[in-house]
Amino acid sequence: MPIFTSSCNYGTGCHAQATGANLNICLDTPGVYANLFSKQLINTATSQASMLYAQVSSGVMPKAPYPAITAAQQNLILNWIKQGANNN
């Protein structure tokens, strides 16, 4: 969550609220973890195919002016997914 907080939903960031423009994905609500799975953004069977990982590793997300997710942060996200994307 710290990675997403700093790059995706910081302040009034794109995912600070759910809107049609961001596929109704809000990253600052208590239900965010369930939302990642219900929107099929995480694929623990094929972690690199997870939409969440694909979006950040390709540089598509986050959009400017929000800070890019570094290679080290991308690796953390990928490893988290590979380990089963636990809610911890």
PDB file of N, CA and C in Angstrom:
ATOM      1  N   MET A   1       0.800  -1.207   0.000  1.00  0.00           N
ATOM      2  CA  MET A   1       0.000   0.000   0.000  1.00  0.00           C
ATOM      3  C   MET A   1       0.841   1.270   0.000  1.00  0.00           C
ATOM      4  N   PRO A   2       1.993   1.313   0.670  1.00  0.00           N
ATOM      5  CA  PRO A   2       2.757   2.559   0.617  1.00  0.00           C
ATOM      6  C   PRO A   2       3.143   2.966  -0.808  1.00  0.00           C
ATOM      7  N   ILE A   3       3.421   1.989  -1.659  1.00  0.00           N
ATOM      8  CA  ILE A   3       3.768   2.303  -3.050  1.00  0.00           C
ATOM      9  C   ILE A   3       2.572   2.933  -3.748  1.00  0.00           C
ATOM     10  N   PHE A   4       1.415   2.336  -3.584  1.00  0.00           N
ATOM     11  CA  PHE A   4       0.223   2.854  -4.251  1.00  0.00           C
ATOM     12  C   PHE A   4      -0.204   4.189  -3.663  1.00  0.00           C
ATOM     13  N   THR A   5      -0.028   4.346  -2.356  1.00  0.00           N
ATOM     14  CA  THR A   5      -0.394   5.601  -1.713  1.00  0.00           C
ATOM     15  C   THR A   5       0.440   6.747  -2.269  1.00  0.00           C
ATOM     16  N   SER A   6       1.721   6.519  -2.450  1.00  0.00           N
ATOM     17  CA  SER A   6       2.589   7.604  -2.910  1.00  0.00           C
ATOM     18  C   SER A   6       2.459   7.888  -4.403  1.00  0.00           C
ATOM     19  N   SER A   7       2.078   6.915  -5.192  1.00  0.00           N
ATOM     20  CA  SER A   7       2.062   7.103  -6.642  1.00  0.00           C
ATOM     21  C   SER A   7       0.686   7.083  -7.297  1.00  0.00           C
ATOM     22  N   CYS A   8      -0.309   6.547  -6.616  1.00  0.00           N
ATOM     23  CA  CYS A   8      -1.594   6.328  -7.289  1.00  0.00           C
ATOM     24  C   CYS A   8      -2.782   7.036  -6.633  1.00  0.00           C
ATOM     25  N   ASN A   9      -2.754   7.193  -5.338  1.00  0.00           N
ATOM     26  CA  ASN A   9      -3.898   7.830  -4.692  1.00  0.00           C
ATOM     27  C   ASN A   9      -3.477   8.931  -3.736  1.00  0.00           C
ATOM     28  N   TYR A  10      -2.297   9.463  -3.915  1.00  0.00           N
ATOM     29  CA  TYR A  10      -1.813  10.537  -3.058  1.00  0.00           C
ATOM     30  C   TYR A  10      -2.706  11.764  -3.217  1.00  0.00           C
ATOM     31  N   GLY A  11      -3.186  12.282  -2.102  1.00  0.00           N
ATOM     32  CA  GLY A  11      -4.008  13.495  -2.133  1.00  0.00           C
ATOM     33  C   GLY A  11      -5.234  13.310  -2.997  1.00  0.00           C
ATOM     34  N   THR A  12      -5.237  13.941  -4.132  1.00  0.00           N
ATOM     35  CA  THR A  12      -6.364  13.845  -5.063  1.00  0.00           C
ATOM     36  C   THR A  12      -5.970  13.033  -6.291  1.00  0.00           C
ATOM     37  N   GLY A  13      -5.047  12.099  -6.130  1.00  0.00           N
ATOM     38  CA  GLY A  13      -4.587  11.265  -7.237  1.00  0.00           C
ATOM     39  C   GLY A  13      -5.716  10.528  -7.921  1.00  0.00           C
ATOM     40  N   CYS A  14      -5.387   9.955  -9.042  1.00  0.00           N
ATOM     41  CA  CYS A  14      -6.386   9.282  -9.886  1.00  0.00           C
ATOM     42  C   CYS A  14      -7.186   8.219  -9.149  1.00  0.00           C
ATOM     43  N   HIS A  15      -6.553   7.490  -8.240  1.00  0.00           N
ATOM     44  CA  HIS A  15      -7.245   6.404  -7.555  1.00  0.00           C
ATOM     45  C   HIS A  15      -7.554   6.739  -6.097  1.00  0.00           C
ATOM     46  N   ALA A  16      -7.627   8.038  -5.785  1.00  0.00           N
ATOM     47  CA  ALA A  16      -8.035   8.455  -4.444  1.00  0.00           C
ATOM     48  C   ALA A  16      -9.547   8.349  -4.307  1.00  0.00           C
ATOM     49  N   GLN A  17     -10.217   8.238  -5.426  1.00  0.00           N
ATOM     50  CA  GLN A  17     -11.665   8.058  -5.438  1.00  0.00           C
ATOM     51  C   GLN A  17     -12.036   7.171  -6.615  1.00  0.00           C
ATOM     52  N   ALA A  18     -13.154   6.515  -6.518  1.00  0.00           N
ATOM     53  CA  ALA A  18     -13.594   5.629  -7.597  1.00  0.00           C
ATOM     54  C   ALA A  18     -14.393   6.431  -8.616  1.00  0.00           C
ATOM     55  N   THR A  19     -13.916   6.418  -9.855  1.00  0.00           N
ATOM     56  CA  THR A  19     -14.636   7.066 -10.950  1.00  0.00           C
ATOM     57  C   THR A  19     -14.562   6.162 -12.174  1.00  0.00           C
ATOM     58  N   GLY A  20     -15.417   6.397 -13.106  1.00  0.00           N
ATOM     59  CA  GLY A  20     -15.375   5.626 -14.339  1.00  0.00           C
ATOM     60  C   GLY A  20     -14.050   5.787 -15.064  1.00  0.00           C
ATOM     61  N   ALA A  21     -13.420   6.954 -14.894  1.00  0.00           N
ATOM     62  CA  ALA A  21     -12.153   7.232 -15.570  1.00  0.00           C
ATOM     63  C   ALA A  21     -11.032   6.326 -15.095  1.00  0.00           C
ATOM     64  N   ASN A  22     -11.134   5.817 -13.864  1.00  0.00           N
ATOM     65  CA  ASN A  22     -10.079   4.942 -13.351  1.00  0.00           C
ATOM     66  C   ASN A  22     -10.600   3.532 -13.104  1.00  0.00           C
ATOM     67  N   LEU A  23     -11.586   3.121 -13.913  1.00  0.00           N
ATOM     68  CA  LEU A  23     -12.206   1.792 -13.826  1.00  0.00           C
ATOM     69  C   LEU A  23     -12.834   1.534 -12.461  1.00  0.00           C
ATOM     70  N   ASN A  24     -13.214   2.613 -11.782  1.00  0.00           N
ATOM     71  CA  ASN A  24     -13.823   2.523 -10.449  1.00  0.00           C
ATOM     72  C   ASN A  24     -12.922   1.810  -9.453  1.00  0.00           C
ATOM     73  N   ILE A  25     -11.616   2.027  -9.574  1.00  0.00           N
ATOM     74  CA  ILE A  25     -10.656   1.430  -8.654  1.00  0.00           C
ATOM     75  C   ILE A  25     -10.175   2.505  -7.703  1.00  0.00           C
ATOM     76  N   CYS A  26     -10.617   2.404  -6.480  1.00  0.00           N
ATOM     77  CA  CYS A  26     -10.233   3.338  -5.436  1.00  0.00           C
ATOM     78  C   CYS A  26      -9.240   2.636  -4.518  1.00  0.00           C
ATOM     79  N   LEU A  27      -8.068   3.231  -4.349  1.00  0.00           N
ATOM     80  CA  LEU A  27      -7.016   2.601  -3.560  1.00  0.00           C
ATOM     81  C   LEU A  27      -6.917   3.148  -2.141  1.00  0.00           C
ATOM     82  N   ASP A  28      -7.907   3.903  -1.703  1.00  0.00           N
ATOM     83  CA  ASP A  28      -7.835   4.419  -0.338  1.00  0.00           C
ATOM     84  C   ASP A  28      -9.073   4.066   0.491  1.00  0.00           C
ATOM     85  N   THR A  29      -9.689   2.953   0.175  1.00  0.00           N
ATOM     86  CA  THR A  29     -10.856   2.517   0.936  1.00  0.00           C
ATOM     87  C   THR A  29     -10.553   1.202   1.640  1.00  0.00           C
ATOM     88  N   PRO A  30     -11.316   0.883   2.667  1.00  0.00           N
ATOM     89  CA  PRO A  30     -11.089  -0.389   3.360  1.00  0.00           C
ATOM     90  C   PRO A  30     -11.253  -1.613   2.457  1.00  0.00           C
ATOM     91  N   GLY A  31     -12.029  -1.511   1.405  1.00  0.00           N
ATOM     92  CA  GLY A  31     -12.282  -2.646   0.529  1.00  0.00           C
ATOM     93  C   GLY A  31     -11.316  -2.756  -0.641  1.00  0.00           C
ATOM     94  N   VAL A  32     -10.201  -2.014  -0.598  1.00  0.00           N
ATOM     95  CA  VAL A  32      -9.289  -1.996  -1.738  1.00  0.00           C
ATOM     96  C   VAL A  32      -8.735  -3.380  -2.061  1.00  0.00           C
ATOM     97  N   TYR A  33      -8.407  -4.151  -1.072  1.00  0.00           N
ATOM     98  CA  TYR A  33      -7.820  -5.475  -1.325  1.00  0.00           C
ATOM     99  C   TYR A  33      -8.801  -6.351  -2.095  1.00  0.00           C
ATOM    100  N   ALA A  34     -10.036  -6.425  -1.639  1.00  0.00           N
ATOM    101  CA  ALA A  34     -11.053  -7.223  -2.338  1.00  0.00           C
ATOM    102  C   ALA A  34     -11.294  -6.666  -3.738  1.00  0.00           C
ATOM    103  N   ASN A  35     -11.219  -5.355  -3.878  1.00  0.00           N
ATOM    104  CA  ASN A  35     -11.445  -4.704  -5.162  1.00  0.00           C
ATOM    105  C   ASN A  35     -10.386  -5.112  -6.188  1.00  0.00           C
ATOM    106  N   LEU A  36      -9.146  -5.265  -5.749  1.00  0.00           N
ATOM    107  CA  LEU A  36      -8.080  -5.672  -6.668  1.00  0.00           C
ATOM    108  C   LEU A  36      -8.368  -7.039  -7.280  1.00  0.00           C
ATOM    109  N   PHE A  37      -8.971  -7.910  -6.496  1.00  0.00           N
ATOM    110  CA  PHE A  37      -9.299  -9.245  -6.998  1.00  0.00           C
ATOM    111  C   PHE A  37     -10.617  -9.248  -7.770  1.00  0.00           C
ATOM    112  N   SER A  38     -11.615  -8.514  -7.288  1.00  0.00           N
ATOM    113  CA  SER A  38     -12.904  -8.514  -7.984  1.00  0.00           C
ATOM    114  C   SER A  38     -12.794  -7.873  -9.363  1.00  0.00           C
ATOM    115  N   LYS A  39     -11.885  -6.935  -9.526  1.00  0.00           N
ATOM    116  CA  LYS A  39     -11.647  -6.306 -10.833  1.00  0.00           C
ATOM    117  C   LYS A  39     -10.636  -7.098 -11.660  1.00  0.00           C
ATOM    118  N   GLN A  40     -10.194  -8.229 -11.124  1.00  0.00           N
ATOM    119  CA  GLN A  40      -9.249  -9.136 -11.792  1.00  0.00           C
ATOM    120  C   GLN A  40      -7.944  -8.435 -12.174  1.00  0.00           C
ATOM    121  N   LEU A  41      -7.434  -7.623 -11.260  1.00  0.00           N
ATOM    122  CA  LEU A  41      -6.184  -6.910 -11.482  1.00  0.00           C
ATOM    123  C   LEU A  41      -4.975  -7.716 -11.037  1.00  0.00           C
ATOM    124  N   ILE A  42      -5.225  -8.769 -10.261  1.00  0.00           N
ATOM    125  CA  ILE A  42      -4.146  -9.604  -9.755  1.00  0.00           C
ATOM    126  C   ILE A  42      -4.375 -11.038 -10.204  1.00  0.00           C
ATOM    127  N   ASN A  43      -3.324 -11.626 -10.760  1.00  0.00           N
ATOM    128  CA  ASN A  43      -3.365 -13.019 -11.202  1.00  0.00           C
ATOM    129  C   ASN A  43      -2.203 -13.731 -10.517  1.00  0.00           C
ATOM    130  N   THR A  44      -2.482 -14.428  -9.438  1.00  0.00           N
ATOM    131  CA  THR A  44      -1.411 -15.078  -8.689  1.00  0.00           C
ATOM    132  C   THR A  44      -0.863 -16.303  -9.426  1.00  0.00           C
ATOM    133  N   ALA A  45      -1.606 -16.853 -10.363  1.00  0.00           N
ATOM    134  CA  ALA A  45      -1.137 -18.005 -11.133  1.00  0.00           C
ATOM    135  C   ALA A  45      -0.085 -17.578 -12.172  1.00  0.00           C
ATOM    136  N   THR A  46      -0.283 -16.436 -12.763  1.00  0.00           N
ATOM    137  CA  THR A  46       0.648 -15.888 -13.752  1.00  0.00           C
ATOM    138  C   THR A  46       0.916 -14.442 -13.364  1.00  0.00           C
ATOM    139  N   SER A  47       1.782 -14.261 -12.387  1.00  0.00           N
ATOM    140  CA  SER A  47       1.979 -12.958 -11.756  1.00  0.00           C
ATOM    141  C   SER A  47       2.347 -11.850 -12.738  1.00  0.00           C
ATOM    142  N   GLN A  48       3.212 -12.132 -13.693  1.00  0.00           N
ATOM    143  CA  GLN A  48       3.613 -11.085 -14.631  1.00  0.00           C
ATOM    144  C   GLN A  48       2.482 -10.680 -15.567  1.00  0.00           C
ATOM    145  N   ALA A  49       1.444 -11.506 -15.655  1.00  0.00           N
ATOM    146  CA  ALA A  49       0.284 -11.176 -16.479  1.00  0.00           C
ATOM    147  C   ALA A  49      -0.756 -10.375 -15.708  1.00  0.00           C
ATOM    148  N   SER A  50      -0.530 -10.164 -14.432  1.00  0.00           N
ATOM    149  CA  SER A  50      -1.473  -9.374 -13.637  1.00  0.00           C
ATOM    150  C   SER A  50      -1.573  -7.973 -14.219  1.00  0.00           C
ATOM    151  N   MET A  51      -2.792  -7.494 -14.403  1.00  0.00           N
ATOM    152  CA  MET A  51      -2.988  -6.170 -14.965  1.00  0.00           C
ATOM    153  C   MET A  51      -2.309  -5.113 -14.092  1.00  0.00           C
ATOM    154  N   LEU A  52      -2.388  -5.289 -12.788  1.00  0.00           N
ATOM    155  CA  LEU A  52      -1.753  -4.339 -11.877  1.00  0.00           C
ATOM    156  C   LEU A  52      -0.260  -4.236 -12.177  1.00  0.00           C
ATOM    157  N   TYR A  53       0.412  -5.357 -12.245  1.00  0.00           N
ATOM    158  CA  TYR A  53       1.846  -5.356 -12.516  1.00  0.00           C
ATOM    159  C   TYR A  53       2.138  -4.853 -13.930  1.00  0.00           C
ATOM    160  N   ALA A  54       1.376  -5.293 -14.902  1.00  0.00           N
ATOM    161  CA  ALA A  54       1.599  -4.881 -16.290  1.00  0.00           C
ATOM    162  C   ALA A  54       1.497  -3.371 -16.446  1.00  0.00           C
ATOM    163  N   GLN A  55       0.534  -2.763 -15.768  1.00  0.00           N
ATOM    164  CA  GLN A  55       0.345  -1.316 -15.879  1.00  0.00           C
ATOM    165  C   GLN A  55       1.517  -0.538 -15.294  1.00  0.00           C
ATOM    166  N   VAL A  56       2.020  -0.976 -14.142  1.00  0.00           N
ATOM    167  CA  VAL A  56       3.119  -0.230 -13.520  1.00  0.00           C
ATOM    168  C   VAL A  56       4.466  -0.557 -14.159  1.00  0.00           C
ATOM    169  N   SER A  57       4.665  -1.794 -14.594  1.00  0.00           N
ATOM    170  CA  SER A  57       5.965  -2.156 -15.173  1.00  0.00           C
ATOM    171  C   SER A  57       6.149  -1.596 -16.583  1.00  0.00           C
ATOM    172  N   SER A  58       5.052  -1.337 -17.265  1.00  0.00           N
ATOM    173  CA  SER A  58       5.140  -0.781 -18.616  1.00  0.00           C
ATOM    174  C   SER A  58       5.237   0.740 -18.603  1.00  0.00           C
ATOM    175  N   GLY A  59       4.994   1.340 -17.444  1.00  0.00           N
ATOM    176  CA  GLY A  59       5.031   2.792 -17.342  1.00  0.00           C
ATOM    177  C   GLY A  59       3.716   3.453 -17.689  1.00  0.00           C
ATOM    178  N   VAL A  60       2.688   2.650 -17.991  1.00  0.00           N
ATOM    179  CA  VAL A  60       1.371   3.206 -18.299  1.00  0.00           C
ATOM    180  C   VAL A  60       0.799   3.911 -17.065  1.00  0.00           C
ATOM    181  N   MET A  61       1.020   3.307 -15.922  1.00  0.00           N
ATOM    182  CA  MET A  61       0.567   3.876 -14.654  1.00  0.00           C
ATOM    183  C   MET A  61       1.760   4.029 -13.737  1.00  0.00           C
ATOM    184  N   PRO A  62       1.765   4.982 -12.897  1.00  0.00           N
ATOM    185  CA  PRO A  62       0.813   6.082 -12.780  1.00  0.00           C
ATOM    186  C   PRO A  62       1.076   7.150 -13.842  1.00  0.00           C
ATOM    187  N   LYS A  63       0.048   7.887 -14.119  1.00  0.00           N
ATOM    188  CA  LYS A  63       0.146   8.947 -15.110  1.00  0.00           C
ATOM    189  C   LYS A  63       0.731  10.200 -14.463  1.00  0.00           C
ATOM    190  N   ALA A  64       1.387  11.004 -15.280  1.00  0.00           N
ATOM    191  CA  ALA A  64       1.927  12.280 -14.810  1.00  0.00           C
ATOM    192  C   ALA A  64       0.780  13.127 -14.278  1.00  0.00           C
ATOM    193  N   PRO A  65       0.990  13.887 -13.279  1.00  0.00           N
ATOM    194  CA  PRO A  65       2.251  14.308 -12.685  1.00  0.00           C
ATOM    195  C   PRO A  65       2.685  13.450 -11.494  1.00  0.00           C
ATOM    196  N   TYR A  66       2.065  12.306 -11.304  1.00  0.00           N
ATOM    197  CA  TYR A  66       2.376  11.472 -10.152  1.00  0.00           C
ATOM    198  C   TYR A  66       3.682  10.728 -10.385  1.00  0.00           C
ATOM    199  N   PRO A  67       4.434  10.484  -9.304  1.00  0.00           N
ATOM    200  CA  PRO A  67       5.753   9.868  -9.462  1.00  0.00           C
ATOM    201  C   PRO A  67       5.686   8.448 -10.012  1.00  0.00           C
ATOM    202  N   ALA A  68       6.611   8.141 -10.905  1.00  0.00           N
ATOM    203  CA  ALA A  68       6.687   6.805 -11.488  1.00  0.00           C
ATOM    204  C   ALA A  68       7.055   5.789 -10.418  1.00  0.00           C
ATOM    205  N   ILE A  69       6.648   4.571 -10.640  1.00  0.00           N
ATOM    206  CA  ILE A  69       6.993   3.482  -9.738  1.00  0.00           C
ATOM    207  C   ILE A  69       8.357   2.962 -10.173  1.00  0.00           C
ATOM    208  N   THR A  70       9.307   2.966  -9.259  1.00  0.00           N
ATOM    209  CA  THR A  70      10.680   2.589  -9.581  1.00  0.00           C
ATOM    210  C   THR A  70      10.782   1.093  -9.894  1.00  0.00           C
ATOM    211  N   ALA A  71      11.904   0.712 -10.482  1.00  0.00           N
ATOM    212  CA  ALA A  71      12.146  -0.704 -10.777  1.00  0.00           C
ATOM    213  C   ALA A  71      12.134  -1.531  -9.491  1.00  0.00           C
ATOM    214  N   ALA A  72      12.691  -1.002  -8.424  1.00  0.00           N
ATOM    215  CA  ALA A  72      12.694  -1.724  -7.143  1.00  0.00           C
ATOM    216  C   ALA A  72      11.272  -1.900  -6.625  1.00  0.00           C
ATOM    217  N   GLN A  73      10.442  -0.874  -6.755  1.00  0.00           N
ATOM    218  CA  GLN A  73       9.043  -0.970  -6.322  1.00  0.00           C
ATOM    219  C   GLN A  73       8.279  -1.954  -7.204  1.00  0.00           C
ATOM    220  N   GLN A  74       8.554  -1.946  -8.503  1.00  0.00           N
ATOM    221  CA  GLN A  74       7.911  -2.897  -9.408  1.00  0.00           C
ATOM    222  C   GLN A  74       8.251  -4.322  -8.994  1.00  0.00           C
ATOM    223  N   ASN A  75       9.494  -4.531  -8.623  1.00  0.00           N
ATOM    224  CA  ASN A  75       9.935  -5.855  -8.185  1.00  0.00           C
ATOM    225  C   ASN A  75       9.218  -6.268  -6.896  1.00  0.00           C
ATOM    226  N   LEU A  76       9.026  -5.329  -5.986  1.00  0.00           N
ATOM    227  CA  LEU A  76       8.278  -5.627  -4.757  1.00  0.00           C
ATOM    228  C   LEU A  76       6.845  -6.047  -5.077  1.00  0.00           C
ATOM    229  N   ILE A  77       6.214  -5.325  -5.992  1.00  0.00           N
ATOM    230  CA  ILE A  77       4.840  -5.648  -6.381  1.00  0.00           C
ATOM    231  C   ILE A  77       4.784  -7.037  -7.011  1.00  0.00           C
ATOM    232  N   LEU A  78       5.721  -7.313  -7.919  1.00  0.00           N
ATOM    233  CA  LEU A  78       5.744  -8.620  -8.581  1.00  0.00           C
ATOM    234  C   LEU A  78       5.960  -9.739  -7.559  1.00  0.00           C
ATOM    235  N   ASN A  79       6.896  -9.557  -6.653  1.00  0.00           N
ATOM    236  CA  ASN A  79       7.152 -10.584  -5.638  1.00  0.00           C
ATOM    237  C   ASN A  79       5.957 -10.776  -4.713  1.00  0.00           C
ATOM    238  N   TRP A  80       5.264  -9.700  -4.382  1.00  0.00           N
ATOM    239  CA  TRP A  80       4.059  -9.791  -3.554  1.00  0.00           C
ATOM    240  C   TRP A  80       3.005 -10.636  -4.257  1.00  0.00           C
ATOM    241  N   ILE A  81       2.820 -10.422  -5.548  1.00  0.00           N
ATOM    242  CA  ILE A  81       1.849 -11.198  -6.320  1.00  0.00           C
ATOM    243  C   ILE A  81       2.292 -12.650  -6.386  1.00  0.00           C
ATOM    244  N   LYS A  82       3.585 -12.883  -6.670  1.00  0.00           N
ATOM    245  CA  LYS A  82       4.106 -14.261  -6.749  1.00  0.00           C
ATOM    246  C   LYS A  82       3.907 -15.021  -5.449  1.00  0.00           C
ATOM    247  N   GLN A  83       3.971 -14.306  -4.325  1.00  0.00           N
ATOM    248  CA  GLN A  83       3.814 -14.940  -3.019  1.00  0.00           C
ATOM    249  C   GLN A  83       2.346 -15.126  -2.623  1.00  0.00           C
ATOM    250  N   GLY A  84       1.441 -14.817  -3.529  1.00  0.00           N
ATOM    251  CA  GLY A  84       0.032 -15.027  -3.273  1.00  0.00           C
ATOM    252  C   GLY A  84      -0.759 -13.781  -2.993  1.00  0.00           C
ATOM    253  N   ALA A  85      -0.118 -12.608  -3.104  1.00  0.00           N
ATOM    254  CA  ALA A  85      -0.788 -11.323  -2.887  1.00  0.00           C
ATOM    255  C   ALA A  85      -1.577 -11.315  -1.577  1.00  0.00           C
ATOM    256  N   ASN A  86      -0.889 -11.651  -0.516  1.00  0.00           N
ATOM    257  CA  ASN A  86      -1.534 -11.690   0.800  1.00  0.00           C
ATOM    258  C   ASN A  86      -1.959 -10.303   1.248  1.00  0.00           C
ATOM    259  N   ASN A  87      -3.009 -10.246   2.005  1.00  0.00           N
ATOM    260  CA  ASN A  87      -3.534  -8.986   2.545  1.00  0.00           C
ATOM    261  C   ASN A  87      -2.791  -8.684   3.843  1.00  0.00           C
ATOM    262  N   ASN A  88      -1.560  -8.233   3.679  1.00  0.00           N
ATOM    263  CA  ASN A  88      -0.751  -7.943   4.868  1.00  0.00           C
ATOM    264  C   ASN A  88      -0.077  -6.604   4.793  1.00  0.00           C
TER     265      ASN A  88
END
